[in-house]
Amino acid sequence: MEFAASTTISAHPDKVWEVLTDTERYPEWDPYCEKIEGQVALGNKIKAFSRLAPGRGFKVKVVELDSARRMTWRGGAPLGLFRGVRTFTLEHTADGTTAFTLREVFSGPMLKLVAKSLPDMSEAFEAFAAGLKQRCEGAA
């Protein structure tokens, strides 16, 4: 099971990265984010609260952090029974813009059971990409 959204942002990847890694400010531009607790740093655990599941925090670990290129969060159930891997990818294009992609892939033996309780995150992913674009272009 996978959700993804992409957009082209009229800003340098360094600017996009600055906004993307400032998770404390996500609620200012991501309409589905209630809050994020913790700081983005390689190996850190953070807790994301989404309006798709009000009041429920999702614990994830920052497993990849490649400045101005890629950030990956991983969360899920113990023993890999259910796993979600969310990747934020930035690509500096020839025309000076940034190609942004947000993708989350769910996997594991419990996926079929858990999938029934997962909301459709397509709209939330599109809203994240649009909000990031607006925030970066407004601040460029």
Protein backbone atom coordinates (compact mmCIF):
# COMPACT_ATOMS: atom_id res chain seq x y z
CA MET A 1 0.00 0.00 0.00
CA GLU A 2 1.40 3.36 -1.00
CA PHE A 3 0.51 7.05 -1.01
CA ALA A 4 2.45 9.74 -2.88
CA ALA A 5 2.29 13.36 -4.00
CA SER A 6 4.65 15.51 -6.06
CA THR A 7 5.01 19.16 -6.98
CA THR A 8 7.49 21.59 -8.47
CA ILE A 9 8.52 24.36 -6.09
CA SER A 10 9.94 27.66 -7.35
CA ALA A 11 12.66 27.78 -4.71
CA HIS A 12 16.16 26.37 -4.24
CA PRO A 13 16.34 22.97 -2.47
CA ASP A 14 18.18 24.59 0.47
CA LYS A 15 15.13 26.78 1.15
CA VAL A 16 12.73 23.84 0.76
CA TRP A 17 14.92 21.78 3.10
CA GLU A 18 14.85 24.56 5.71
CA VAL A 19 11.03 24.55 5.70
CA LEU A 20 10.78 20.76 5.49
CA THR A 21 13.01 20.11 8.50
CA ASP A 22 11.36 22.79 10.68
CA THR A 23 8.68 20.37 11.86
CA GLU A 24 7.59 22.64 14.71
CA ARG A 25 6.05 24.94 12.08
CA TYR A 26 4.26 22.24 10.04
CA PRO A 27 0.84 23.20 11.49
CA GLU A 28 1.28 26.69 9.98
CA TRP A 29 1.21 25.33 6.42
CA ASP A 30 0.11 21.65 6.54
CA PRO A 31 -3.66 21.59 7.14
CA TYR A 32 -3.54 17.96 8.32
CA CYS A 33 -0.78 18.37 10.92
CA GLU A 34 -1.81 19.00 14.53
CA LYS A 35 1.78 19.04 15.79
CA ILE A 36 5.09 17.22 15.72
CA GLU A 37 7.03 16.57 18.91
CA GLY A 38 10.81 16.20 18.73
CA GLN A 39 13.59 17.49 16.52
CA VAL A 40 14.56 16.19 13.10
CA ALA A 41 18.04 14.66 13.39
CA LEU A 42 19.39 11.37 12.14
CA GLY A 43 18.43 8.61 14.58
CA ASN A 44 15.98 10.80 16.52
CA LYS A 45 12.49 9.63 17.35
CA ILE A 46 9.69 12.09 16.74
CA LYS A 47 5.95 11.90 17.26
CA ALA A 48 3.56 13.17 14.60
CA PHE A 49 -0.07 14.06 15.30
CA SER A 50 -2.40 14.16 12.29
CA ARG A 51 -5.93 15.51 11.96
CA LEU A 52 -6.72 12.24 10.15
CA ALA A 53 -6.49 10.53 13.58
CA PRO A 54 -7.17 13.32 16.11
CA GLY A 55 -5.28 13.02 19.38
CA ARG A 56 -3.26 9.99 18.27
CA GLY A 57 0.50 10.33 17.97
CA PHE A 58 2.51 8.29 15.48
CA LYS A 59 6.04 7.53 16.65
CA VAL A 60 8.63 7.49 13.88
CA LYS A 61 12.40 7.40 13.68
CA VAL A 62 14.44 9.60 11.34
CA VAL A 63 16.42 6.92 9.48
CA GLU A 64 17.81 9.00 6.61
CA LEU A 65 18.79 12.66 6.48
CA ASP A 66 20.68 13.78 3.38
CA SER A 67 20.72 17.58 3.49
CA ALA A 68 18.60 19.27 0.81
CA ARG A 69 18.02 15.89 -0.88
CA ARG A 70 16.18 13.28 1.18
CA MET A 71 14.63 12.63 4.57
CA THR A 72 13.09 9.31 5.59
CA TRP A 73 10.96 8.46 8.62
CA ARG A 74 10.14 4.89 9.65
CA GLY A 75 7.48 3.73 12.08
CA GLY A 76 5.15 0.83 12.74
CA ALA A 77 4.64 -2.23 14.89
CA PRO A 78 7.36 -4.22 16.65
CA LEU A 79 9.18 -7.00 14.78
CA GLY A 80 8.30 -5.45 11.43
CA LEU A 81 4.74 -6.81 11.58
CA PHE A 82 3.55 -3.52 10.14
CA ARG A 83 5.82 -0.77 8.84
CA GLY A 84 5.37 2.66 7.32
CA VAL A 85 8.29 4.34 5.57
CA ARG A 86 7.77 7.99 4.61
CA THR A 87 10.31 9.57 2.28
CA PHE A 88 10.61 13.25 1.38
CA THR A 89 12.73 13.74 -1.76
CA LEU A 90 14.08 16.99 -3.22
CA GLU A 91 15.67 17.24 -6.65
CA HIS A 92 17.37 20.43 -7.87
CA THR A 93 16.24 20.93 -11.46
CA ALA A 94 18.10 22.65 -14.31
CA ASP A 95 15.71 25.62 -14.24
CA GLY A 96 16.48 26.33 -10.57
CA THR A 97 13.29 24.89 -9.13
CA THR A 98 12.90 21.94 -6.79
CA ALA A 99 11.05 18.76 -7.71
CA PHE A 100 9.48 17.53 -4.44
CA THR A 101 8.04 14.07 -3.84
CA LEU A 102 6.40 12.74 -0.68
CA ARG A 103 5.87 8.98 -0.59
CA GLU A 104 4.83 6.54 2.12
CA VAL A 105 4.95 2.79 1.66
CA PHE A 106 3.24 0.46 4.12
CA SER A 107 4.33 -3.17 4.39
CA GLY A 108 4.53 -6.17 6.71
CA PRO A 109 2.61 -9.35 7.52
CA MET A 110 -0.18 -7.40 9.28
CA LEU A 111 -0.71 -5.01 6.36
CA LYS A 112 -4.00 -6.55 5.19
CA LEU A 113 -5.45 -6.34 8.68
CA VAL A 114 -4.15 -2.84 9.43
CA ALA A 115 -4.99 -1.46 5.96
CA LYS A 116 -8.70 -1.66 6.77
CA SER A 117 -8.23 0.88 9.55
CA LEU A 118 -5.97 3.26 7.62
CA PRO A 119 -7.60 6.38 6.20
CA ASP A 120 -7.06 7.33 2.57
CA MET A 121 -4.14 9.71 2.86
CA SER A 122 -4.13 10.87 -0.76
CA GLU A 123 -5.77 14.21 0.00
CA ALA A 124 -3.50 14.82 2.99
CA PHE A 125 -0.39 14.11 0.91
CA GLU A 126 -1.55 16.48 -1.84
CA ALA A 127 -2.29 19.14 0.79
CA PHE A 128 1.18 18.67 2.31
CA ALA A 129 2.86 19.15 -1.08
CA ALA A 130 0.69 22.19 -1.89
CA GLY A 131 1.29 23.73 1.55
CA LEU A 132 5.04 23.19 1.31
CA LYS A 133 5.06 24.77 -2.15
CA GLN A 134 3.09 27.80 -0.98
CA ARG A 135 5.24 28.24 2.13
CA CYS A 136 8.53 28.01 0.21
CA GLU A 137 7.46 30.22 -2.68
CA GLY A 138 6.00 32.82 -0.34
CA ALA A 139 9.26 32.93 1.61
CA ALA A 140 11.60 32.77 -1.41
